[in-house]
């Protein structure tokens, strides 16, 4: 849990041109945006306060939690996401996986360059691509300011 920062002017445009939308309308648009990516929102509540979005509720896995945070933060007009989402069923038998880290795309970045930086191997770019589906539809279509989930390498 915590506050994750994003670049307010980068991301998908779901609010339209009008900044005048009420916070409740923006919250409903964010929930619809998450549903578009197949992310379950039945136990998620969204509160919008200016350019800060607070996510509350629960999800089944850490993977879903990370995708909800990134999909929300990569909306134009969102500068930060305050994460209050809990994972409902953390594994009991096995030790929990480490939380995934986040990476903000810089100008000139591409997935294999990012993979080289975080994993030491550019050929592992597909791991990053798969972790960010369905937000990413093509590994060559990333943009500066976009925040990506960087999963830990499986041993």
Protein backbone atom coordinates (compact mmCIF):
# COMPACT_ATOMS: atom_id res chain seq x y z
CA UNK A 1 0.00 0.00 0.00
CA UNK A 2 1.13 3.49 -0.61
CA UNK A 3 1.26 6.40 -2.97
CA UNK A 4 2.53 5.78 -6.52
CA UNK A 5 3.39 8.84 -8.65
CA UNK A 6 2.66 9.17 -12.35
CA UNK A 7 3.09 11.87 -14.98
CA UNK A 8 -0.20 13.75 -15.14
CA UNK A 9 0.09 14.74 -18.81
CA UNK A 10 0.90 11.23 -20.06
CA UNK A 11 -1.54 8.41 -20.54
CA UNK A 12 -4.78 7.37 -22.09
CA UNK A 13 -7.34 10.13 -22.49
CA UNK A 14 -10.57 8.89 -20.90
CA UNK A 15 -11.83 12.10 -19.31
CA UNK A 16 -12.31 13.94 -22.61
CA UNK A 17 -11.29 17.53 -23.19
CA UNK A 18 -13.26 18.98 -20.29
CA UNK A 19 -11.44 19.26 -16.97
CA UNK A 20 -14.79 20.25 -15.53
CA UNK A 21 -15.97 16.68 -14.95
CA UNK A 22 -17.03 16.03 -11.39
CA UNK A 23 -14.93 13.65 -9.29
CA UNK A 24 -17.73 11.04 -9.21
CA UNK A 25 -17.93 11.04 -13.03
CA UNK A 26 -14.15 10.60 -13.23
CA UNK A 27 -14.32 7.70 -10.75
CA UNK A 28 -16.96 5.98 -12.89
CA UNK A 29 -14.85 6.53 -16.03
CA UNK A 30 -11.84 4.99 -14.27
CA UNK A 31 -13.86 1.92 -13.25
CA UNK A 32 -15.10 1.54 -16.86
CA UNK A 33 -11.49 1.90 -18.06
CA UNK A 34 -10.37 -0.93 -15.75
CA UNK A 35 -13.24 -3.15 -16.92
CA UNK A 36 -12.18 -2.51 -20.53
CA UNK A 37 -8.90 -4.27 -19.71
CA UNK A 38 -10.73 -7.21 -18.12
CA UNK A 39 -9.75 -6.20 -14.59
CA UNK A 40 -12.37 -7.06 -11.99
CA UNK A 41 -13.71 -3.95 -10.31
CA UNK A 42 -16.51 -5.49 -8.25
CA UNK A 43 -14.57 -5.03 -4.99
CA UNK A 44 -12.78 -1.80 -5.96
CA UNK A 45 -13.86 1.68 -4.95
CA UNK A 46 -12.38 4.75 -6.66
CA UNK A 47 -12.18 8.24 -5.17
CA UNK A 48 -10.90 11.16 -7.25
CA UNK A 49 -9.55 14.31 -5.63
CA UNK A 50 -8.11 16.61 -8.29
CA UNK A 51 -5.27 14.69 -9.94
CA UNK A 52 -5.01 12.11 -7.12
CA UNK A 53 -6.93 8.82 -7.34
CA UNK A 54 -7.45 6.65 -4.27
CA UNK A 55 -8.12 2.95 -4.88
CA UNK A 56 -9.71 0.95 -2.04
CA UNK A 57 -11.02 -2.58 -1.78
CA UNK A 58 -9.63 -6.01 -2.51
CA UNK A 59 -8.45 -8.17 -5.38
CA UNK A 60 -7.53 -11.85 -5.69
CA UNK A 61 -3.82 -11.55 -6.57
CA UNK A 62 -0.84 -9.22 -6.37
CA UNK A 63 -0.67 -9.34 -10.18
CA UNK A 64 -4.21 -7.95 -10.50
CA UNK A 65 -3.46 -5.29 -7.88
CA UNK A 66 -0.40 -4.07 -9.79
CA UNK A 67 -2.29 -3.97 -13.10
CA UNK A 68 -5.15 -1.96 -11.52
CA UNK A 69 -2.67 0.58 -10.13
CA UNK A 70 -0.76 0.93 -13.42
CA UNK A 71 -3.90 1.08 -15.58
CA UNK A 72 -5.26 3.83 -13.32
CA UNK A 73 -2.03 5.81 -13.17
CA UNK A 74 -1.55 5.69 -16.93
CA UNK A 75 -4.61 7.89 -17.50
CA UNK A 76 -4.02 11.46 -18.59
CA UNK A 77 -4.87 13.79 -15.70
CA UNK A 78 -3.82 11.34 -12.97
CA UNK A 79 -0.66 12.40 -11.12
CA UNK A 80 -0.78 9.89 -8.27
CA UNK A 81 -2.55 6.74 -7.15
CA UNK A 82 -3.04 6.15 -3.44
CA UNK A 83 -3.15 2.38 -3.10
CA UNK A 84 -5.36 0.97 -0.36
CA UNK A 85 -6.06 -2.32 -2.16
CA UNK A 86 -5.52 -5.55 -0.24
CA UNK A 87 -4.85 -8.95 -1.75
CA UNK A 88 -7.64 -11.31 -0.58
CA UNK A 89 -5.96 -14.68 -0.87
CA UNK A 90 -2.22 -14.41 -0.43
CA UNK A 91 -0.55 -17.83 -0.75
CA UNK A 92 -0.32 -19.64 2.57
CA UNK A 93 1.80 -22.66 1.67
CA UNK A 94 4.51 -20.91 -0.34
CA UNK A 95 6.21 -17.72 0.76
CA UNK A 96 4.67 -14.68 -0.93
CA UNK A 97 6.32 -13.47 -4.12
CA UNK A 98 8.11 -10.16 -3.79
CA UNK A 99 6.05 -7.20 -4.92
CA UNK A 100 6.66 -6.17 -8.47
CA UNK A 101 8.44 -2.93 -9.04
CA UNK A 102 7.39 -0.13 -11.33
CA UNK A 103 9.36 1.60 -14.08
CA UNK A 104 8.60 4.98 -15.64
CA UNK A 105 9.43 5.02 -19.36
CA UNK A 106 11.91 7.71 -20.38
CA UNK A 107 12.45 9.23 -23.83
CA UNK A 108 14.42 6.78 -25.97
CA UNK A 109 13.36 3.71 -23.94
CA UNK A 110 12.14 0.49 -25.51
CA UNK A 111 11.28 -2.78 -23.78
CA UNK A 112 14.54 -4.60 -24.57
CA UNK A 113 16.54 -1.61 -23.24
CA UNK A 114 14.47 -1.64 -20.05
CA UNK A 115 14.92 -5.43 -19.74
CA UNK A 116 18.69 -5.01 -20.10
CA UNK A 117 18.64 -2.36 -17.35
CA UNK A 118 16.49 -4.26 -14.82
CA UNK A 119 17.32 -7.90 -15.65
CA UNK A 120 20.73 -7.60 -17.29
CA UNK A 121 19.36 -9.32 -20.41
CA UNK A 122 17.64 -7.46 -23.26
CA UNK A 123 16.04 -10.71 -24.50
CA UNK A 124 13.81 -10.79 -21.42
CA UNK A 125 11.72 -7.86 -22.74
CA UNK A 126 8.77 -10.21 -23.31
CA UNK A 127 8.45 -10.77 -19.53
CA UNK A 128 7.77 -7.04 -19.14
CA UNK A 129 5.42 -7.04 -22.13
CA UNK A 130 3.37 -9.98 -20.78
CA UNK A 131 3.16 -8.43 -17.29
CA UNK A 132 1.65 -5.26 -18.77
CA UNK A 133 -0.98 -6.86 -21.01
CA UNK A 134 -3.67 -5.84 -21.87
CA UNK A 135 -2.53 -2.23 -21.31
CA UNK A 136 0.26 -2.88 -23.85
CA UNK A 137 -0.94 -4.28 -27.14
CA UNK A 138 2.43 -4.11 -28.95
CA UNK A 139 5.91 -4.29 -27.38
CA UNK A 140 7.04 -1.44 -29.63
CA UNK A 141 4.32 0.99 -28.50
CA UNK A 142 5.43 2.53 -25.22
CA UNK A 143 5.71 6.25 -24.49
CA UNK A 144 7.63 8.52 -22.11
CA UNK A 145 5.86 8.91 -18.80
CA UNK A 146 4.09 5.56 -19.03
CA UNK A 147 4.53 3.43 -15.90
CA UNK A 148 5.16 -0.28 -16.41
CA UNK A 149 5.04 -3.23 -14.02
CA UNK A 150 8.44 -4.95 -13.81
CA UNK A 151 7.92 -8.48 -12.43
CA UNK A 152 10.69 -10.30 -10.58
CA UNK A 153 12.44 -13.03 -12.55
CA UNK A 154 11.28 -16.53 -11.65
CA UNK A 155 14.11 -18.70 -10.37
